[in-house]
PDB file of N, CA and C in Angstrom:
ATOM      1  N   MET A   1     102.407  78.240  42.006  1.00  0.00           N
ATOM      2  CA  MET A   1     101.471  79.302  42.429  1.00  0.00           C
ATOM      3  C   MET A   1     102.349  80.490  43.035  1.00  0.00           C
ATOM      4  N   SER A   2     101.858  81.643  42.663  1.00  0.00           N
ATOM      5  CA  SER A   2     102.585  82.833  43.060  1.00  0.00           C
ATOM      6  C   SER A   2     102.250  83.104  44.518  1.00  0.00           C
ATOM      7  N   LYS A   3     103.240  83.714  45.210  1.00  0.00           N
ATOM      8  CA  LYS A   3     103.033  84.021  46.619  1.00  0.00           C
ATOM      9  C   LYS A   3     102.241  85.299  46.723  1.00  0.00           C
ATOM     10  N   LYS A   4     101.095  85.255  47.388  1.00  0.00           N
ATOM     11  CA  LYS A   4     100.246  86.453  47.511  1.00  0.00           C
ATOM     12  C   LYS A   4     100.867  87.346  48.666  1.00  0.00           C
ATOM     13  N   GLN A   5     100.881  88.637  48.378  1.00  0.00           N
ATOM     14  CA  GLN A   5     101.384  89.603  49.329  1.00  0.00           C
ATOM     15  C   GLN A   5     100.339  89.804  50.489  1.00  0.00           C
ATOM     16  N   SER A   6     100.786  89.644  51.721  1.00  0.00           N
ATOM     17  CA  SER A   6      99.873  89.855  52.825  1.00  0.00           C
ATOM     18  C   SER A   6      99.996  91.205  53.432  1.00  0.00           C
ATOM     19  N   TYR A   7      98.927  92.010  53.598  1.00  0.00           N
ATOM     20  CA  TYR A   7      99.042  93.336  54.098  1.00  0.00           C
ATOM     21  C   TYR A   7      99.014  93.328  55.662  1.00  0.00           C
ATOM     22  N   MET A   8      98.883  92.103  56.214  1.00  0.00           N
ATOM     23  CA  MET A   8      98.842  91.979  57.677  1.00  0.00           C
ATOM     24  C   MET A   8     100.242  91.521  58.196  1.00  0.00           C
ATOM     25  N   ASN A   9     101.211  91.507  57.327  1.00  0.00           N
ATOM     26  CA  ASN A   9     102.512  91.176  57.757  1.00  0.00           C
ATOM     27  C   ASN A   9     103.169  92.225  58.621  1.00  0.00           C
ATOM     28  N   ASN A  10     103.812  91.822  59.710  1.00  0.00           N
ATOM     29  CA  ASN A  10     104.368  92.695  60.667  1.00  0.00           C
ATOM     30  C   ASN A  10     105.293  93.765  60.005  1.00  0.00           C
ATOM     31  N   GLU A  11     105.950  93.417  58.989  1.00  0.00           N
ATOM     32  CA  GLU A  11     106.787  94.377  58.321  1.00  0.00           C
ATOM     33  C   GLU A  11     106.136  95.414  57.538  1.00  0.00           C
ATOM     34  N   ASN A  12     104.815  95.163  57.174  1.00  0.00           N
ATOM     35  CA  ASN A  12     104.072  96.140  56.485  1.00  0.00           C
ATOM     36  C   ASN A  12     103.147  96.991  57.253  1.00  0.00           C
ATOM     37  N   ILE A  13     103.045  96.646  58.494  1.00  0.00           N
ATOM     38  CA  ILE A  13     102.114  97.489  59.358  1.00  0.00           C
ATOM     39  C   ILE A  13     102.754  98.757  59.828  1.00  0.00           C
ATOM     40  N   LEU A  14     102.047  99.824  59.752  1.00  0.00           N
ATOM     41  CA  LEU A  14     102.554 101.108  60.278  1.00  0.00           C
ATOM     42  C   LEU A  14     102.699 101.115  61.785  1.00  0.00           C
ATOM     43  N   SER A  15     103.780 101.631  62.277  1.00  0.00           N
ATOM     44  CA  SER A  15     103.969 101.645  63.703  1.00  0.00           C
ATOM     45  C   SER A  15     104.047 103.137  64.192  1.00  0.00           C
ATOM     46  N   GLU A  16     102.954 103.865  64.012  1.00  0.00           N
ATOM     47  CA  GLU A  16     102.906 105.239  64.376  1.00  0.00           C
ATOM     48  C   GLU A  16     101.933 105.495  65.562  1.00  0.00           C
ATOM     49  N   GLY A  17     101.492 104.419  66.172  1.00  0.00           N
ATOM     50  CA  GLY A  17     100.478 104.636  67.239  1.00  0.00           C
ATOM     51  C   GLY A  17     101.065 105.062  68.536  1.00  0.00           C
ATOM     52  N   PHE A  18     100.139 105.452  69.425  1.00  0.00           N
ATOM     53  CA  PHE A  18     100.493 105.902  70.774  1.00  0.00           C
ATOM     54  C   PHE A  18     101.336 104.805  71.552  1.00  0.00           C
ATOM     55  N   PHE A  19     100.847 103.616  71.588  1.00  0.00           N
ATOM     56  CA  PHE A  19     101.448 102.606  72.305  1.00  0.00           C
ATOM     57  C   PHE A  19     102.812 102.140  71.771  1.00  0.00           C
ATOM     58  N   ASP A  20     102.923 102.264  70.459  1.00  0.00           N
ATOM     59  CA  ASP A  20     104.257 101.997  69.780  1.00  0.00           C
ATOM     60  C   ASP A  20     105.274 103.017  70.258  1.00  0.00           C
ATOM     61  N   SER A  21     104.777 104.325  70.348  1.00  0.00           N
ATOM     62  CA  SER A  21     105.670 105.416  70.855  1.00  0.00           C
ATOM     63  C   SER A  21     106.159 105.116  72.266  1.00  0.00           C
ATOM     64  N   LEU A  22     105.253 104.617  73.136  1.00  0.00           N
ATOM     65  CA  LEU A  22     105.632 104.291  74.466  1.00  0.00           C
ATOM     66  C   LEU A  22     106.566 103.156  74.517  1.00  0.00           C
ATOM     67  N   LEU A  23     106.375 102.182  73.624  1.00  0.00           N
ATOM     68  CA  LEU A  23     107.349 101.062  73.643  1.00  0.00           C
ATOM     69  C   LEU A  23     108.696 101.573  73.199  1.00  0.00           C
ATOM     70  N   LYS A  24     108.829 102.446  72.306  1.00  0.00           N
ATOM     71  CA  LYS A  24     110.200 102.945  71.920  1.00  0.00           C
ATOM     72  C   LYS A  24     110.807 103.665  73.118  1.00  0.00           C
ATOM     73  N   ILE A  25     110.036 104.379  73.887  1.00  0.00           N
ATOM     74  CA  ILE A  25     110.567 105.114  74.993  1.00  0.00           C
ATOM     75  C   ILE A  25     111.126 104.159  76.052  1.00  0.00           C
ATOM     76  N   PHE A  26     110.331 103.114  76.306  1.00  0.00           N
ATOM     77  CA  PHE A  26     110.710 102.038  77.306  1.00  0.00           C
ATOM     78  C   PHE A  26     112.003 101.297  76.731  1.00  0.00           C
ATOM     79  N   LYS A  27     112.068 101.035  75.534  1.00  0.00           N
ATOM     80  CA  LYS A  27     113.213 100.350  74.898  1.00  0.00           C
ATOM     81  C   LYS A  27     114.500 101.253  75.180  1.00  0.00           C
ATOM     82  N   GLY A  28     114.356 102.514  74.976  1.00  0.00           N
ATOM     83  CA  GLY A  28     115.509 103.391  75.094  1.00  0.00           C
ATOM     84  C   GLY A  28     115.919 103.591  76.485  1.00  0.00           C
ATOM     85  N   HIS A  29     114.947 103.498  77.442  1.00  0.00           N
ATOM     86  CA  HIS A  29     115.232 103.712  78.880  1.00  0.00           C
ATOM     87  C   HIS A  29     114.652 102.626  79.741  1.00  0.00           C
ATOM     88  N   PRO A  30     115.299 101.406  79.790  1.00  0.00           N
ATOM     89  CA  PRO A  30     114.675 100.341  80.574  1.00  0.00           C
ATOM     90  C   PRO A  30     114.509 100.596  82.071  1.00  0.00           C
ATOM     91  N   GLU A  31     115.272 101.600  82.637  1.00  0.00           N
ATOM     92  CA  GLU A  31     115.024 101.847  84.019  1.00  0.00           C
ATOM     93  C   GLU A  31     113.671 102.391  84.334  1.00  0.00           C
ATOM     94  N   LEU A  32     112.947 102.811  83.319  1.00  0.00           N
ATOM     95  CA  LEU A  32     111.590 103.356  83.554  1.00  0.00           C
ATOM     96  C   LEU A  32     110.572 102.275  83.946  1.00  0.00           C
ATOM     97  N   LYS A  33     110.937 100.975  83.681  1.00  0.00           N
ATOM     98  CA  LYS A  33     109.892  99.974  83.961  1.00  0.00           C
ATOM     99  C   LYS A  33     109.716  99.708  85.493  1.00  0.00           C
ATOM    100  N   ASN A  34     110.674 100.179  86.352  1.00  0.00           N
ATOM    101  CA  ASN A  34     110.612 100.015  87.735  1.00  0.00           C
ATOM    102  C   ASN A  34     110.170 101.294  88.460  1.00  0.00           C
ATOM    103  N   ASN A  35     109.744 102.363  87.726  1.00  0.00           N
ATOM    104  CA  ASN A  35     109.300 103.584  88.261  1.00  0.00           C
ATOM    105  C   ASN A  35     107.868 103.507  88.768  1.00  0.00           C
ATOM    106  N   LYS A  36     107.692 103.872  90.052  1.00  0.00           N
ATOM    107  CA  LYS A  36     106.372 103.733  90.748  1.00  0.00           C
ATOM    108  C   LYS A  36     105.314 104.710  90.120  1.00  0.00           C
ATOM    109  N   LYS A  37     105.793 105.926  89.686  1.00  0.00           N
ATOM    110  CA  LYS A  37     104.856 106.825  89.094  1.00  0.00           C
ATOM    111  C   LYS A  37     104.307 106.304  87.792  1.00  0.00           C
ATOM    112  N   ILE A  38     105.126 105.576  87.015  1.00  0.00           N
ATOM    113  CA  ILE A  38     104.702 105.097  85.756  1.00  0.00           C
ATOM    114  C   ILE A  38     103.640 103.916  86.053  1.00  0.00           C
ATOM    115  N   LYS A  39     103.955 103.087  87.009  1.00  0.00           N
ATOM    116  CA  LYS A  39     103.010 102.009  87.315  1.00  0.00           C
ATOM    117  C   LYS A  39     101.706 102.554  87.857  1.00  0.00           C
ATOM    118  N   ASN A  40     101.797 103.636  88.650  1.00  0.00           N
ATOM    119  CA  ASN A  40     100.524 104.231  89.124  1.00  0.00           C
ATOM    120  C   ASN A  40      99.701 104.865  87.965  1.00  0.00           C
ATOM    121  N   ASN A  41     100.401 105.488  87.022  1.00  0.00           N
ATOM    122  CA  ASN A  41      99.792 106.051  85.875  1.00  0.00           C
ATOM    123  C   ASN A  41      99.078 105.009  84.926  1.00  0.00           C
ATOM    124  N   ILE A  42      99.678 103.833  84.892  1.00  0.00           N
ATOM    125  CA  ILE A  42      99.057 102.749  84.122  1.00  0.00           C
ATOM    126  C   ILE A  42      97.821 102.303  84.853  1.00  0.00           C
ATOM    127  N   LYS A  43      97.826 102.256  86.242  1.00  0.00           N
ATOM    128  CA  LYS A  43      96.634 101.942  86.925  1.00  0.00           C
ATOM    129  C   LYS A  43      95.579 102.962  86.661  1.00  0.00           C
ATOM    130  N   ASP A  44      95.977 104.227  86.689  1.00  0.00           N
ATOM    131  CA  ASP A  44      94.987 105.284  86.428  1.00  0.00           C
ATOM    132  C   ASP A  44      94.438 105.144  85.000  1.00  0.00           C
ATOM    133  N   LEU A  45      95.271 104.828  84.041  1.00  0.00           N
ATOM    134  CA  LEU A  45      94.841 104.601  82.621  1.00  0.00           C
ATOM    135  C   LEU A  45      93.750 103.496  82.629  1.00  0.00           C
ATOM    136  N   ASN A  46      93.993 102.398  83.360  1.00  0.00           N
ATOM    137  CA  ASN A  46      93.054 101.306  83.419  1.00  0.00           C
ATOM    138  C   ASN A  46      91.728 101.739  84.038  1.00  0.00           C
ATOM    139  N   LYS A  47      91.779 102.621  85.114  1.00  0.00           N
ATOM    140  CA  LYS A  47      90.578 103.102  85.673  1.00  0.00           C
ATOM    141  C   LYS A  47      89.758 103.951  84.712  1.00  0.00           C
ATOM    142  N   LYS A  48      90.485 104.795  83.912  1.00  0.00           N
ATOM    143  CA  LYS A  48      89.785 105.579  82.853  1.00  0.00           C
ATOM    144  C   LYS A  48      89.151 104.695  81.800  1.00  0.00           C
ATOM    145  N   VAL A  49      89.862 103.703  81.447  1.00  0.00           N
ATOM    146  CA  VAL A  49      89.349 102.669  80.393  1.00  0.00           C
ATOM    147  C   VAL A  49      88.104 102.040  81.017  1.00  0.00           C
ATOM    148  N   SER A  50      88.179 101.632  82.271  1.00  0.00           N
ATOM    149  CA  SER A  50      86.943 101.027  82.921  1.00  0.00           C
ATOM    150  C   SER A  50      85.772 102.011  82.973  1.00  0.00           C
ATOM    151  N   ASN A  51      86.031 103.277  83.302  1.00  0.00           N
ATOM    152  CA  ASN A  51      85.010 104.313  83.320  1.00  0.00           C
ATOM    153  C   ASN A  51      84.462 104.527  81.919  1.00  0.00           C
ATOM    154  N   LEU A  52      85.268 104.551  80.871  1.00  0.00           N
ATOM    155  CA  LEU A  52      84.781 104.700  79.568  1.00  0.00           C
ATOM    156  C   LEU A  52      83.917 103.551  79.070  1.00  0.00           C
ATOM    157  N   GLU A  53      84.378 102.314  79.461  1.00  0.00           N
ATOM    158  CA  GLU A  53      83.607 101.111  79.149  1.00  0.00           C
ATOM    159  C   GLU A  53      82.279 101.114  79.807  1.00  0.00           C
ATOM    160  N   GLN A  54      82.220 101.512  81.054  1.00  0.00           N
ATOM    161  CA  GLN A  54      80.976 101.606  81.834  1.00  0.00           C
ATOM    162  C   GLN A  54      80.016 102.615  81.207  1.00  0.00           C
ATOM    163  N   MET A  55      80.563 103.744  80.841  1.00  0.00           N
ATOM    164  CA  MET A  55      79.719 104.871  80.173  1.00  0.00           C
ATOM    165  C   MET A  55      79.208 104.388  78.891  1.00  0.00           C
ATOM    166  N   MET A  56      79.960 103.734  78.093  1.00  0.00           N
ATOM    167  CA  MET A  56      79.513 103.223  76.776  1.00  0.00           C
ATOM    168  C   MET A  56      78.456 102.194  76.913  1.00  0.00           C
ATOM    169  N   ASN A  57      78.653 101.289  77.918  1.00  0.00           N
ATOM    170  CA  ASN A  57      77.630 100.240  78.170  1.00  0.00           C
ATOM    171  C   ASN A  57      76.340 100.881  78.659  1.00  0.00           C
ATOM    172  N   ASP A  58      76.432 101.857  79.489  1.00  0.00           N
ATOM    173  CA  ASP A  58      75.193 102.561  79.956  1.00  0.00           C
ATOM    174  C   ASP A  58      74.492 103.278  78.859  1.00  0.00           C
ATOM    175  N   GLU A  59      75.192 103.916  77.917  1.00  0.00           N
ATOM    176  CA  GLU A  59      74.600 104.472  76.749  1.00  0.00           C
ATOM    177  C   GLU A  59      73.916 103.432  75.929  1.00  0.00           C
ATOM    178  N   LEU A  60      74.515 102.318  75.613  1.00  0.00           N
ATOM    179  CA  LEU A  60      73.996 101.316  74.807  1.00  0.00           C
ATOM    180  C   LEU A  60      72.664 100.738  75.520  1.00  0.00           C
ATOM    181  N   ALA A  61      72.733 100.662  76.849  1.00  0.00           N
ATOM    182  CA  ALA A  61      71.480 100.190  77.521  1.00  0.00           C
ATOM    183  C   ALA A  61      70.355 101.221  77.387  1.00  0.00           C
ATOM    184  N   SER A  62      70.716 102.504  77.449  1.00  0.00           N
ATOM    185  CA  SER A  62      69.730 103.552  77.292  1.00  0.00           C
ATOM    186  C   SER A  62      68.993 103.481  75.995  1.00  0.00           C
ATOM    187  N   PHE A  63      69.737 102.895  74.882  1.00  0.00           N
ATOM    188  CA  PHE A  63      69.157 102.782  73.602  1.00  0.00           C
ATOM    189  C   PHE A  63      68.313 101.505  73.461  1.00  0.00           C
ATOM    190  N   GLY A  64      68.349 100.653  74.459  1.00  0.00           N
ATOM    191  CA  GLY A  64      67.631  99.379  74.473  1.00  0.00           C
ATOM    192  C   GLY A  64      68.480  98.251  73.884  1.00  0.00           C
ATOM    193  N   SER A  65      69.740  98.443  73.808  1.00  0.00           N
ATOM    194  CA  SER A  65      70.697  97.344  73.329  1.00  0.00           C
ATOM    195  C   SER A  65      71.135  96.524  74.504  1.00  0.00           C
ATOM    196  N   LYS A  66      71.281  95.182  74.243  1.00  0.00           N
ATOM    197  CA  LYS A  66      71.819  94.313  75.246  1.00  0.00           C
ATOM    198  C   LYS A  66      73.226  93.950  75.004  1.00  0.00           C
ATOM    199  N   GLU A  67      73.807  94.619  74.004  1.00  0.00           N
ATOM    200  CA  GLU A  67      75.208  94.411  73.690  1.00  0.00           C
ATOM    201  C   GLU A  67      76.087  95.049  74.699  1.00  0.00           C
ATOM    202  N   LYS A  68      77.248  94.412  75.033  1.00  0.00           N
ATOM    203  CA  LYS A  68      78.147  94.946  76.017  1.00  0.00           C
ATOM    204  C   LYS A  68      79.564  95.123  75.362  1.00  0.00           C
ATOM    205  N   ILE A  69      80.215  96.217  75.671  1.00  0.00           N
ATOM    206  CA  ILE A  69      81.489  96.504  75.187  1.00  0.00           C
ATOM    207  C   ILE A  69      82.499  96.168  76.258  1.00  0.00           C
ATOM    208  N   LYS A  70      83.556  95.469  75.788  1.00  0.00           N
ATOM    209  CA  LYS A  70      84.675  95.164  76.762  1.00  0.00           C
ATOM    210  C   LYS A  70      85.944  95.665  76.191  1.00  0.00           C
ATOM    211  N   LEU A  71      86.585  96.638  76.877  1.00  0.00           N
ATOM    212  CA  LEU A  71      87.806  97.203  76.456  1.00  0.00           C
ATOM    213  C   LEU A  71      89.043  96.535  77.204  1.00  0.00           C
ATOM    214  N   LYS A  72      90.089  96.476  76.484  1.00  0.00           N
ATOM    215  CA  LYS A  72      91.310  95.854  77.031  1.00  0.00           C
ATOM    216  C   LYS A  72      91.950  96.632  78.130  1.00  0.00           C
ATOM    217  N   GLN A  73      92.292  95.986  79.311  1.00  0.00           N
ATOM    218  CA  GLN A  73      93.095  96.610  80.290  1.00  0.00           C
ATOM    219  C   GLN A  73      94.554  96.403  79.974  1.00  0.00           C
ATOM    220  N   HIS A  74      95.349  97.426  80.338  1.00  0.00           N
ATOM    221  CA  HIS A  74      96.800  97.380  79.930  1.00  0.00           C
ATOM    222  C   HIS A  74      97.667  97.088  81.206  1.00  0.00           C
ATOM    223  N   LYS A  75      98.786  96.383  80.864  1.00  0.00           N
ATOM    224  CA  LYS A  75      99.754  96.096  81.912  1.00  0.00           C
ATOM    225  C   LYS A  75     101.117  96.764  81.451  1.00  0.00           C
ATOM    226  N   LEU A  76     102.016  96.876  82.381  1.00  0.00           N
ATOM    227  CA  LEU A  76     103.330  97.419  82.052  1.00  0.00           C
ATOM    228  C   LEU A  76     104.009  96.620  80.959  1.00  0.00           C
ATOM    229  N   SER A  77     103.804  95.283  81.057  1.00  0.00           N
ATOM    230  CA  SER A  77     104.440  94.390  80.110  1.00  0.00           C
ATOM    231  C   SER A  77     103.950  94.624  78.624  1.00  0.00           C
ATOM    232  N   ASP A  78     102.796  95.237  78.466  1.00  0.00           N
ATOM    233  CA  ASP A  78     102.306  95.596  77.149  1.00  0.00           C
ATOM    234  C   ASP A  78     103.216  96.602  76.486  1.00  0.00           C
ATOM    235  N   PHE A  79     103.888  97.439  77.277  1.00  0.00           N
ATOM    236  CA  PHE A  79     104.710  98.488  76.762  1.00  0.00           C
ATOM    237  C   PHE A  79     106.193  98.066  76.713  1.00  0.00           C
ATOM    238  N   ILE A  80     106.615  97.051  77.509  1.00  0.00           N
ATOM    239  CA  ILE A  80     108.018  96.764  77.598  1.00  0.00           C
ATOM    240  C   ILE A  80     108.365  95.314  77.269  1.00  0.00           C
ATOM    241  N   LYS A  81     107.622  94.703  76.481  1.00  0.00           N
ATOM    242  CA  LYS A  81     107.735  93.233  76.253  1.00  0.00           C
ATOM    243  C   LYS A  81     109.010  92.961  75.440  1.00  0.00           C
ATOM    244  N   ASP A  82     109.552  93.943  74.737  1.00  0.00           N
ATOM    245  CA  ASP A  82     110.743  93.693  73.822  1.00  0.00           C
ATOM    246  C   ASP A  82     112.023  94.051  74.560  1.00  0.00           C
ATOM    247  N   ILE A  83     111.987  94.476  75.822  1.00  0.00           N
ATOM    248  CA  ILE A  83     113.200  94.890  76.510  1.00  0.00           C
ATOM    249  C   ILE A  83     113.851  93.695  77.069  1.00  0.00           C
TER     250      ILE A  83
END
């Protein structure tokens, strides 16, 4: 049986995203992982994500939907796991 090519293989996935760019920066400069400003900005990012999640859920409720949206919160380790 021939081996079917998987398009979900990590080698085939494009890495042009925002978080991939951040990961490259942290790999090149590991001293950034202890920076308080960066940690505070990640907390701010999570607050914005929570606000967006709440706004989206409120909009869905105004349309009569009982569906809830849950967005992922980020940690510093999401960006520096390969260091």
